[in-house]
Full PDB file with SEQRES, HELIX, SHEET, SSBOND, CRYST1, ORIGX, SCALE, CONECT and MASTER records, all heavy atoms in Angstrom:
SEQRES   1 A   38  ASN GLY VAL PRO VAL ARG ASP ALA SER GLY ARG PHE VAL          
SEQRES   2 A   38  THR ASP LYS SER THR PRO ARG LYS LEU ALA PHE ASP THR          
SEQRES   3 A   38  ASP GLY LEU ILE TRP ASP ALA GLY VAL MET TRP GLN              
CRYST1    1.000    1.000    1.000  90.00  90.00  90.00 P 1           1          
ORIGX1      1.000000  0.000000  0.000000        0.00000                         
ORIGX2      0.000000  1.000000  0.000000        0.00000                         
ORIGX3      0.000000  0.000000  1.000000        0.00000                         
SCALE1      1.000000  0.000000  0.000000        0.00000                         
SCALE2      0.000000  1.000000  0.000000        0.00000                         
SCALE3      0.000000  0.000000  1.000000        0.00000                         
ATOM      1  N   ASN A   1       0.841  -1.264   0.058  1.00  0.00           N  
ATOM      2  CA  ASN A   1       0.009   0.043  -0.037  1.00  0.00           C  
ATOM      3  C   ASN A   1       0.838   1.266   0.007  1.00  0.00           C  
ATOM      4  O   ASN A   1       0.357   2.310   0.124  1.00  0.00           O  
ATOM      5  CB  ASN A   1      -0.957  -0.033   1.260  1.00  0.00           C  
ATOM      6  CG  ASN A   1      -1.837  -1.063   1.207  1.00  0.00           C  
ATOM      7  OD1 ASN A   1      -2.473  -1.459   0.115  1.00  0.00           O  
ATOM      8  ND2 ASN A   1      -2.136  -1.769   2.404  1.00  0.00           N  
ATOM      9  N   GLY A   2       2.223   1.083  -0.120  1.00  0.00           N  
ATOM     10  CA  GLY A   2       3.029   2.250  -0.088  1.00  0.00           C  
ATOM     11  C   GLY A   2       3.377   2.851   1.244  1.00  0.00           C  
ATOM     12  O   GLY A   2       3.819   3.973   1.329  1.00  0.00           O  
ATOM     13  N   VAL A   3       3.060   2.056   2.251  1.00  0.00           N  
ATOM     14  CA  VAL A   3       3.262   2.484   3.664  1.00  0.00           C  
ATOM     15  C   VAL A   3       4.562   1.949   4.188  1.00  0.00           C  
ATOM     16  O   VAL A   3       4.884   0.849   3.982  1.00  0.00           O  
ATOM     17  CB  VAL A   3       2.234   2.008   4.662  1.00  0.00           C  
ATOM     18  CG1 VAL A   3       2.420   2.373   5.996  1.00  0.00           C  
ATOM     19  CG2 VAL A   3       0.856   2.496   4.173  1.00  0.00           C  
ATOM     20  N   PRO A   4       5.484   2.828   4.756  1.00  0.00           N  
ATOM     21  CA  PRO A   4       6.786   2.463   5.296  1.00  0.00           C  
ATOM     22  C   PRO A   4       6.661   1.274   6.212  1.00  0.00           C  
ATOM     23  O   PRO A   4       5.845   1.394   7.163  1.00  0.00           O  
ATOM     24  CB  PRO A   4       7.323   3.683   5.871  1.00  0.00           C  
ATOM     25  CG  PRO A   4       6.719   4.815   5.223  1.00  0.00           C  
ATOM     26  CD  PRO A   4       5.314   4.257   4.889  1.00  0.00           C  
ATOM     27  N   VAL A   5       7.481   0.290   6.086  1.00  0.00           N  
ATOM     28  CA  VAL A   5       7.442  -0.866   7.091  1.00  0.00           C  
ATOM     29  C   VAL A   5       8.351  -0.650   8.195  1.00  0.00           C  
ATOM     30  O   VAL A   5       9.408  -0.108   8.122  1.00  0.00           O  
ATOM     31  CB  VAL A   5       7.952  -2.081   6.188  1.00  0.00           C  
ATOM     32  CG1 VAL A   5       8.049  -3.323   7.143  1.00  0.00           C  
ATOM     33  CG2 VAL A   5       7.033  -2.430   5.018  1.00  0.00           C  
ATOM     34  N   ARG A   6       7.880  -0.942   9.322  1.00  0.00           N  
ATOM     35  CA  ARG A   6       8.524  -0.911  10.645  1.00  0.00           C  
ATOM     36  C   ARG A   6       8.863  -2.284  11.282  1.00  0.00           C  
ATOM     37  O   ARG A   6       8.065  -3.201  11.028  1.00  0.00           O  
ATOM     38  CB  ARG A   6       7.874  -0.064  11.692  1.00  0.00           C  
ATOM     39  CG  ARG A   6       7.645   1.379  11.275  1.00  0.00           C  
ATOM     40  CD  ARG A   6       6.722   2.081  12.278  1.00  0.00           C  
ATOM     41  NE  ARG A   6       6.529   3.485  12.021  1.00  0.00           N  
ATOM     42  CZ  ARG A   6       7.251   4.551  12.393  1.00  0.00           C  
ATOM     43  NH1 ARG A   6       8.279   4.401  13.232  1.00  0.00           N  
ATOM     44  NH2 ARG A   6       6.894   5.746  12.067  1.00  0.00           N  
ATOM     45  N   ASP A   7      10.030  -2.411  11.888  1.00  0.00           N  
ATOM     46  CA  ASP A   7      10.265  -3.695  12.551  1.00  0.00           C  
ATOM     47  C   ASP A   7       9.522  -3.760  13.920  1.00  0.00           C  
ATOM     48  O   ASP A   7       8.738  -3.004  14.310  1.00  0.00           O  
ATOM     49  CB  ASP A   7      11.779  -4.033  12.780  1.00  0.00           C  
ATOM     50  CG  ASP A   7      12.475  -2.972  13.498  1.00  0.00           C  
ATOM     51  OD1 ASP A   7      11.764  -2.237  14.311  1.00  0.00           O  
ATOM     52  OD2 ASP A   7      13.709  -2.812  13.565  1.00  0.00           O  
ATOM     53  N   ALA A   8       9.895  -4.854  14.669  1.00  0.00           N  
ATOM     54  CA  ALA A   8       9.268  -5.130  16.000  1.00  0.00           C  
ATOM     55  C   ALA A   8       9.494  -4.074  17.021  1.00  0.00           C  
ATOM     56  O   ALA A   8       8.779  -3.990  18.009  1.00  0.00           O  
ATOM     57  CB  ALA A   8       9.654  -6.525  16.555  1.00  0.00           C  
ATOM     58  N   SER A   9      10.521  -3.310  16.795  1.00  0.00           N  
ATOM     59  CA  SER A   9      10.874  -2.199  17.790  1.00  0.00           C  
ATOM     60  C   SER A   9      10.259  -0.925  17.328  1.00  0.00           C  
ATOM     61  O   SER A   9      10.611   0.080  18.075  1.00  0.00           O  
ATOM     62  CB  SER A   9      12.405  -2.164  17.943  1.00  0.00           C  
ATOM     63  OG  SER A   9      13.017  -3.391  18.462  1.00  0.00           O  
ATOM     64  N   GLY A  10       9.637  -0.878  16.192  1.00  0.00           N  
ATOM     65  CA  GLY A  10       9.012   0.330  15.650  1.00  0.00           C  
ATOM     66  C   GLY A  10       9.907   1.155  14.809  1.00  0.00           C  
ATOM     67  O   GLY A  10       9.708   2.304  14.453  1.00  0.00           O  
ATOM     68  N   ARG A  11      11.122   0.657  14.399  1.00  0.00           N  
ATOM     69  CA  ARG A  11      12.090   1.325  13.522  1.00  0.00           C  
ATOM     70  C   ARG A  11      11.800   1.032  11.988  1.00  0.00           C  
ATOM     71  O   ARG A  11      11.259  -0.048  11.735  1.00  0.00           O  
ATOM     72  CB  ARG A  11      13.528   0.903  13.807  1.00  0.00           C  
ATOM     73  CG  ARG A  11      14.016   1.213  15.151  1.00  0.00           C  
ATOM     74  CD  ARG A  11      15.521   0.745  15.301  1.00  0.00           C  
ATOM     75  NE  ARG A  11      16.025   1.114  16.600  1.00  0.00           N  
ATOM     76  CZ  ARG A  11      16.293   0.132  17.472  1.00  0.00           C  
ATOM     77  NH1 ARG A  11      15.924  -1.106  17.411  1.00  0.00           N  
ATOM     78  NH2 ARG A  11      16.758   0.548  18.725  1.00  0.00           N  
ATOM     79  N   PHE A  12      11.969   1.990  11.093  1.00  0.00           N  
ATOM     80  CA  PHE A  12      11.741   1.876   9.816  1.00  0.00           C  
ATOM     81  C   PHE A  12      12.838   0.772   9.339  1.00  0.00           C  
ATOM     82  O   PHE A  12      13.948   0.716   9.726  1.00  0.00           O  
ATOM     83  CB  PHE A  12      11.994   3.107   9.054  1.00  0.00           C  
ATOM     84  CG  PHE A  12      10.910   4.061   9.285  1.00  0.00           C  
ATOM     85  CD1 PHE A  12      11.238   5.379   9.699  1.00  0.00           C  
ATOM     86  CD2 PHE A  12       9.678   3.857   8.908  1.00  0.00           C  
ATOM     87  CE1 PHE A  12      10.239   6.328   9.942  1.00  0.00           C  
ATOM     88  CE2 PHE A  12       8.622   4.734   9.108  1.00  0.00           C  
ATOM     89  CZ  PHE A  12       8.907   6.009   9.566  1.00  0.00           C  
ATOM     90  N   VAL A  13      12.427  -0.102   8.274  1.00  0.00           N  
ATOM     91  CA  VAL A  13      13.287  -1.168   7.738  1.00  0.00           C  
ATOM     92  C   VAL A  13      13.963  -0.474   6.543  1.00  0.00           C  
ATOM     93  O   VAL A  13      13.201   0.110   5.612  1.00  0.00           O  
ATOM     94  CB  VAL A  13      12.487  -2.343   7.348  1.00  0.00           C  
ATOM     95  CG1 VAL A  13      13.345  -3.356   6.678  1.00  0.00           C  
ATOM     96  CG2 VAL A  13      11.819  -2.978   8.522  1.00  0.00           C  
ATOM     97  N   THR A  14      15.243  -0.546   6.416  1.00  0.00           N  
ATOM     98  CA  THR A  14      16.044   0.062   5.377  1.00  0.00           C  
ATOM     99  C   THR A  14      15.744  -0.712   3.926  1.00  0.00           C  
ATOM    100  O   THR A  14      15.997  -1.859   3.928  1.00  0.00           O  
ATOM    101  CB  THR A  14      17.469   0.102   5.792  1.00  0.00           C  
ATOM    102  OG1 THR A  14      17.613   0.849   6.999  1.00  0.00           O  
ATOM    103  CG2 THR A  14      18.268   0.959   4.686  1.00  0.00           C  
ATOM    104  N   ASP A  15      15.549   0.078   2.924  1.00  0.00           N  
ATOM    105  CA  ASP A  15      15.486  -0.550   1.654  1.00  0.00           C  
ATOM    106  C   ASP A  15      16.940  -0.389   1.062  1.00  0.00           C  
ATOM    107  O   ASP A  15      17.425   0.739   0.610  1.00  0.00           O  
ATOM    108  CB  ASP A  15      14.589   0.192   0.815  1.00  0.00           C  
ATOM    109  CG  ASP A  15      14.349  -0.523  -0.558  1.00  0.00           C  
ATOM    110  OD1 ASP A  15      15.239  -1.251  -0.953  1.00  0.00           O  
ATOM    111  OD2 ASP A  15      13.458  -0.122  -1.342  1.00  0.00           O  
ATOM    112  N   LYS A  16      17.835  -1.357   1.105  1.00  0.00           N  
ATOM    113  CA  LYS A  16      19.210  -1.230   0.646  1.00  0.00           C  
ATOM    114  C   LYS A  16      19.337  -1.048  -0.748  1.00  0.00           C  
ATOM    115  O   LYS A  16      20.469  -0.655  -1.292  1.00  0.00           O  
ATOM    116  CB  LYS A  16      19.992  -2.537   1.009  1.00  0.00           C  
ATOM    117  CG  LYS A  16      20.085  -2.873   2.547  1.00  0.00           C  
ATOM    118  CD  LYS A  16      20.995  -1.953   3.214  1.00  0.00           C  
ATOM    119  CE  LYS A  16      21.217  -2.353   4.636  1.00  0.00           C  
ATOM    120  NZ  LYS A  16      22.272  -1.559   5.259  1.00  0.00           N  
ATOM    121  N   SER A  17      18.183  -1.214  -1.552  1.00  0.00           N  
ATOM    122  CA  SER A  17      18.342  -1.169  -3.071  1.00  0.00           C  
ATOM    123  C   SER A  17      18.267   0.360  -3.501  1.00  0.00           C  
ATOM    124  O   SER A  17      18.506   0.675  -4.621  1.00  0.00           O  
ATOM    125  CB  SER A  17      17.266  -1.966  -3.682  1.00  0.00           C  
ATOM    126  OG  SER A  17      15.927  -1.535  -3.383  1.00  0.00           O  
ATOM    127  N   THR A  18      17.815   1.242  -2.738  1.00  0.00           N  
ATOM    128  CA  THR A  18      17.634   2.641  -3.045  1.00  0.00           C  
ATOM    129  C   THR A  18      18.935   3.450  -2.759  1.00  0.00           C  
ATOM    130  O   THR A  18      19.693   3.029  -1.753  1.00  0.00           O  
ATOM    131  CB  THR A  18      16.475   3.262  -2.285  1.00  0.00           C  
ATOM    132  OG1 THR A  18      16.793   3.184  -0.808  1.00  0.00           O  
ATOM    133  CG2 THR A  18      15.271   2.544  -2.456  1.00  0.00           C  
ATOM    134  N   PRO A  19      19.185   4.503  -3.436  1.00  0.00           N  
ATOM    135  CA  PRO A  19      20.365   5.215  -3.329  1.00  0.00           C  
ATOM    136  C   PRO A  19      20.202   6.231  -2.134  1.00  0.00           C  
ATOM    137  O   PRO A  19      18.993   6.484  -1.723  1.00  0.00           O  
ATOM    138  CB  PRO A  19      20.437   6.143  -4.608  1.00  0.00           C  
ATOM    139  CG  PRO A  19      19.101   6.152  -5.088  1.00  0.00           C  
ATOM    140  CD  PRO A  19      18.406   4.904  -4.707  1.00  0.00           C  
ATOM    141  N   ARG A  20      21.220   6.749  -1.535  1.00  0.00           N  
ATOM    142  CA  ARG A  20      21.076   7.739  -0.506  1.00  0.00           C  
ATOM    143  C   ARG A  20      20.590   9.027  -1.139  1.00  0.00           C  
ATOM    144  O   ARG A  20      20.969   9.475  -2.066  1.00  0.00           O  
ATOM    145  CB  ARG A  20      22.389   8.013   0.148  1.00  0.00           C  
ATOM    146  CG  ARG A  20      22.863   7.094   1.188  1.00  0.00           C  
ATOM    147  CD  ARG A  20      23.983   7.526   2.145  1.00  0.00           C  
ATOM    148  NE  ARG A  20      24.589   6.532   2.874  1.00  0.00           N  
ATOM    149  CZ  ARG A  20      25.465   5.719   2.626  1.00  0.00           C  
ATOM    150  NH1 ARG A  20      26.025   5.839   1.407  1.00  0.00           N  
ATOM    151  NH2 ARG A  20      25.853   4.747   3.473  1.00  0.00           N  
ATOM    152  N   LYS A  21      19.588   9.640  -0.400  1.00  0.00           N  
ATOM    153  CA  LYS A  21      18.978  10.990  -0.853  1.00  0.00           C  
ATOM    154  C   LYS A  21      19.462  11.985   0.167  1.00  0.00           C  
ATOM    155  O   LYS A  21      19.513  11.689   1.369  1.00  0.00           O  
ATOM    156  CB  LYS A  21      17.446  10.790  -0.926  1.00  0.00           C  
ATOM    157  CG  LYS A  21      16.888   9.812  -1.942  1.00  0.00           C  
ATOM    158  CD  LYS A  21      15.496   9.816  -1.935  1.00  0.00           C  
ATOM    159  CE  LYS A  21      14.994   8.730  -2.921  1.00  0.00           C  
ATOM    160  NZ  LYS A  21      13.363   8.636  -2.778  1.00  0.00           N  
ATOM    161  N   LEU A  22      19.743  13.222  -0.287  1.00  0.00           N  
ATOM    162  CA  LEU A  22      20.271  14.179   0.612  1.00  0.00           C  
ATOM    163  C   LEU A  22      19.129  14.800   1.413  1.00  0.00           C  
ATOM    164  O   LEU A  22      18.048  15.205   0.963  1.00  0.00           O  
ATOM    165  CB  LEU A  22      20.918  15.292  -0.311  1.00  0.00           C  
ATOM    166  CG  LEU A  22      22.249  14.932  -0.933  1.00  0.00           C  
ATOM    167  CD1 LEU A  22      22.619  16.116  -1.738  1.00  0.00           C  
ATOM    168  CD2 LEU A  22      23.233  14.573   0.085  1.00  0.00           C  
ATOM    169  N   ALA A  23      19.420  14.884   2.653  1.00  0.00           N  
ATOM    170  CA  ALA A  23      18.464  15.547   3.701  1.00  0.00           C  
ATOM    171  C   ALA A  23      18.920  16.871   3.919  1.00  0.00           C  
ATOM    172  O   ALA A  23      18.243  17.761   4.303  1.00  0.00           O  
ATOM    173  CB  ALA A  23      18.391  14.729   4.980  1.00  0.00           C  
ATOM    174  N   PHE A  24      20.337  17.139   3.716  1.00  0.00           N  
ATOM    175  CA  PHE A  24      20.799  18.484   3.945  1.00  0.00           C  
ATOM    176  C   PHE A  24      22.196  18.672   3.156  1.00  0.00           C  
ATOM    177  O   PHE A  24      22.951  17.687   3.095  1.00  0.00           O  
ATOM    178  CB  PHE A  24      21.102  18.733   5.469  1.00  0.00           C  
ATOM    179  CG  PHE A  24      21.694  20.075   5.824  1.00  0.00           C  
ATOM    180  CD1 PHE A  24      20.885  21.139   5.936  1.00  0.00           C  
ATOM    181  CD2 PHE A  24      23.072  20.315   5.883  1.00  0.00           C  
ATOM    182  CE1 PHE A  24      21.306  22.407   6.363  1.00  0.00           C  
ATOM    183  CE2 PHE A  24      23.567  21.585   6.158  1.00  0.00           C  
ATOM    184  CZ  PHE A  24      22.703  22.621   6.434  1.00  0.00           C  
ATOM    185  N   ASP A  25      22.470  19.707   2.558  1.00  0.00           N  
ATOM    186  CA  ASP A  25      23.587  19.764   1.718  1.00  0.00           C  
ATOM    187  C   ASP A  25      23.835  21.381   1.719  1.00  0.00           C  
ATOM    188  O   ASP A  25      23.078  22.174   1.272  1.00  0.00           O  
ATOM    189  CB  ASP A  25      23.327  19.370   0.270  1.00  0.00           C  
ATOM    190  CG  ASP A  25      24.605  19.409  -0.592  1.00  0.00           C  
ATOM    191  OD1 ASP A  25      25.589  19.649  -0.062  1.00  0.00           O  
ATOM    192  OD2 ASP A  25      24.391  19.350  -1.811  1.00  0.00           O  
ATOM    193  N   THR A  26      25.058  21.744   2.064  1.00  0.00           N  
ATOM    194  CA  THR A  26      25.585  23.080   2.091  1.00  0.00           C  
ATOM    195  C   THR A  26      27.161  23.110   1.835  1.00  0.00           C  
ATOM    196  O   THR A  26      27.765  22.240   2.375  1.00  0.00           O  
ATOM    197  CB  THR A  26      25.268  23.820   3.361  1.00  0.00           C  
ATOM    198  OG1 THR A  26      25.649  25.170   3.189  1.00  0.00           O  
ATOM    199  CG2 THR A  26      25.970  23.268   4.582  1.00  0.00           C  
ATOM    200  N   ASP A  27      27.490  24.035   1.079  1.00  0.00           N  
ATOM    201  CA  ASP A  27      29.030  24.289   0.966  1.00  0.00           C  
ATOM    202  C   ASP A  27      29.203  25.802   0.632  1.00  0.00           C  
ATOM    203  O   ASP A  27      28.294  26.237  -0.129  1.00  0.00           O  
ATOM    204  CB  ASP A  27      29.802  23.312  -0.043  1.00  0.00           C  
ATOM    205  CG  ASP A  27      29.291  23.650  -1.435  1.00  0.00           C  
ATOM    206  OD1 ASP A  27      28.065  23.374  -1.721  1.00  0.00           O  
ATOM    207  OD2 ASP A  27      30.071  24.167  -2.108  1.00  0.00           O  
ATOM    208  N   GLY A  28      30.246  26.348   1.202  1.00  0.00           N  
ATOM    209  CA  GLY A  28      30.477  27.724   0.728  1.00  0.00           C  
ATOM    210  C   GLY A  28      31.110  28.472   2.032  1.00  0.00           C  
ATOM    211  O   GLY A  28      31.649  27.835   2.987  1.00  0.00           O  
ATOM    212  N   LEU A  29      31.060  29.883   1.976  1.00  0.00           N  
ATOM    213  CA  LEU A  29      31.698  30.618   2.886  1.00  0.00           C  
ATOM    214  C   LEU A  29      31.061  30.590   4.219  1.00  0.00           C  
ATOM    215  O   LEU A  29      29.694  30.601   4.353  1.00  0.00           O  
ATOM    216  CB  LEU A  29      31.637  32.108   2.375  1.00  0.00           C  
ATOM    217  CG  LEU A  29      32.388  33.235   3.151  1.00  0.00           C  
ATOM    218  CD1 LEU A  29      33.855  33.051   3.203  1.00  0.00           C  
ATOM    219  CD2 LEU A  29      31.919  34.625   2.682  1.00  0.00           C  
ATOM    220  N   ILE A  30      31.707  30.573   5.246  1.00  0.00           N  
ATOM    221  CA  ILE A  30      31.230  30.774   6.631  1.00  0.00           C  
ATOM    222  C   ILE A  30      31.918  31.896   7.297  1.00  0.00           C  
ATOM    223  O   ILE A  30      33.099  32.188   6.928  1.00  0.00           O  
ATOM    224  CB  ILE A  30      31.375  29.510   7.517  1.00  0.00           C  
ATOM    225  CG1 ILE A  30      32.908  29.055   7.622  1.00  0.00           C  
ATOM    226  CG2 ILE A  30      30.549  28.330   6.920  1.00  0.00           C  
ATOM    227  CD1 ILE A  30      33.072  27.854   8.531  1.00  0.00           C  
ATOM    228  N   TRP A  31      31.349  32.520   8.353  1.00  0.00           N  
ATOM    229  CA  TRP A  31      31.979  33.612   9.033  1.00  0.00           C  
ATOM    230  C   TRP A  31      31.248  33.940  10.278  1.00  0.00           C  
ATOM    231  O   TRP A  31      30.126  33.502  10.569  1.00  0.00           O  
ATOM    232  CB  TRP A  31      31.968  34.931   8.216  1.00  0.00           C  
ATOM    233  CG  TRP A  31      30.647  35.555   7.913  1.00  0.00           C  
ATOM    234  CD1 TRP A  31      29.760  35.287   6.875  1.00  0.00           C  
ATOM    235  CD2 TRP A  31      29.844  36.317   8.792  1.00  0.00           C  
ATOM    236  NE1 TRP A  31      28.635  35.853   6.967  1.00  0.00           N  
ATOM    237  CE2 TRP A  31      28.586  36.639   8.144  1.00  0.00           C  
ATOM    238  CE3 TRP A  31      30.045  36.996  10.047  1.00  0.00           C  
ATOM    239  CZ2 TRP A  31      27.655  37.524   8.712  1.00  0.00           C  
ATOM    240  CZ3 TRP A  31      29.137  37.800  10.525  1.00  0.00           C  
ATOM    241  CH2 TRP A  31      27.879  38.005   9.842  1.00  0.00           C  
ATOM    242  N   ASP A  32      32.046  34.486  11.147  1.00  0.00           N  
ATOM    243  CA  ASP A  32      31.413  34.941  12.506  1.00  0.00           C  
ATOM    244  C   ASP A  32      32.162  36.051  13.019  1.00  0.00           C  
ATOM    245  O   ASP A  32      33.349  36.258  12.797  1.00  0.00           O  
ATOM    246  CB  ASP A  32      31.317  33.815  13.603  1.00  0.00           C  
ATOM    247  CG  ASP A  32      32.504  33.257  13.895  1.00  0.00           C  
ATOM    248  OD1 ASP A  32      33.488  33.915  14.302  1.00  0.00           O  
ATOM    249  OD2 ASP A  32      32.666  31.954  13.660  1.00  0.00           O  
ATOM    250  N   ALA A  33      31.496  36.924  13.855  1.00  0.00           N  
ATOM    251  CA  ALA A  33      32.212  38.022  14.491  1.00  0.00           C  
ATOM    252  C   ALA A  33      31.496  38.203  15.899  1.00  0.00           C  
ATOM    253  O   ALA A  33      30.428  37.885  16.118  1.00  0.00           O  
ATOM    254  CB  ALA A  33      32.048  39.370  13.567  1.00  0.00           C  
ATOM    255  N   GLY A  34      32.345  38.704  16.723  1.00  0.00           N  
ATOM    256  CA  GLY A  34      31.742  38.785  18.168  1.00  0.00           C  
ATOM    257  C   GLY A  34      32.766  39.720  19.102  1.00  0.00           C  
ATOM    258  O   GLY A  34      33.784  40.296  18.594  1.00  0.00           O  
ATOM    259  N   VAL A  35      32.468  39.654  20.314  1.00  0.00           N  
ATOM    260  CA  VAL A  35      33.229  40.256  21.338  1.00  0.00           C  
ATOM    261  C   VAL A  35      33.487  39.390  22.537  1.00  0.00           C  
ATOM    262  O   VAL A  35      32.514  38.569  22.769  1.00  0.00           O  
ATOM    263  CB  VAL A  35      32.438  41.574  21.804  1.00  0.00           C  
ATOM    264  CG1 VAL A  35      31.084  41.249  22.329  1.00  0.00           C  
ATOM    265  CG2 VAL A  35      33.319  42.395  22.674  1.00  0.00           C  
ATOM    266  N   MET A  36      34.595  39.570  23.214  1.00  0.00           N  
ATOM    267  CA  MET A  36      34.838  38.855  24.421  1.00  0.00           C  
ATOM    268  C   MET A  36      35.303  39.738  25.530  1.00  0.00           C  
ATOM    269  O   MET A  36      36.027  40.657  25.339  1.00  0.00           O  
ATOM    270  CB  MET A  36      35.953  37.889  24.202  1.00  0.00           C  
ATOM    271  CG  MET A  36      36.135  36.765  25.247  1.00  0.00           C  
ATOM    272  SD  MET A  36      37.152  37.348  26.575  1.00  0.00           S  
ATOM    273  CE  MET A  36      37.249  35.817  27.573  1.00  0.00           C  
ATOM    274  N   TRP A  37      34.565  39.557  26.736  1.00  0.00           N  
ATOM    275  CA  TRP A  37      34.805  40.448  27.754  1.00  0.00           C  
ATOM    276  C   TRP A  37      35.177  39.637  29.104  1.00  0.00           C  
ATOM    277  O   TRP A  37      34.632  38.728  29.417  1.00  0.00           O  
ATOM    278  CB  TRP A  37      33.515  41.301  28.207  1.00  0.00           C  
ATOM    279  CG  TRP A  37      33.665  42.084  29.445  1.00  0.00           C  
ATOM    280  CD1 TRP A  37      34.498  43.126  29.637  1.00  0.00           C  
ATOM    281  CD2 TRP A  37      32.854  42.035  30.596  1.00  0.00           C  
ATOM    282  NE1 TRP A  37      34.293  43.601  30.924  1.00  0.00           N  
ATOM    283  CE2 TRP A  37      33.234  42.949  31.551  1.00  0.00           C  
ATOM    284  CE3 TRP A  37      31.886  41.069  30.882  1.00  0.00           C  
ATOM    285  CZ2 TRP A  37      32.624  43.074  32.787  1.00  0.00           C  
ATOM    286  CZ3 TRP A  37      31.256  41.178  32.151  1.00  0.00           C  
ATOM    287  CH2 TRP A  37      31.701  42.220  33.081  1.00  0.00           C  
ATOM    288  N   GLN A  38      36.409  40.045  29.579  1.00  0.00           N  
ATOM    289  CA  GLN A  38      36.932  39.188  30.700  1.00  0.00           C  
ATOM    290  C   GLN A  38      37.447  40.176  31.744  1.00  0.00           C  
ATOM    291  O   GLN A  38      38.699  40.489  31.711  1.00  0.00           O  
ATOM    292  CB  GLN A  38      38.072  38.250  30.286  1.00  0.00           C  
ATOM    293  CG  GLN A  38      38.516  37.273  31.325  1.00  0.00           C  
ATOM    294  CD  GLN A  38      39.455  36.267  30.890  1.00  0.00           C  
ATOM    295  OE1 GLN A  38      40.352  36.653  30.245  1.00  0.00           O  
ATOM    296  NE2 GLN A  38      39.324  35.105  31.303  1.00  0.00           N  
TER     297      GLN A  38                                                      
MASTER        0    0    0    0    0    0    0    6  296    1    0    3          
END                                                                             
């Protein structure tokens, strides 16, 4: 029925035949600026 299958512990069963799909992807410049008081 197209419903994800779970095992006896309630976890999703992995389909090893499918490729990995990206859940998050970033690359590029990072920066930060701030102040320190002691």
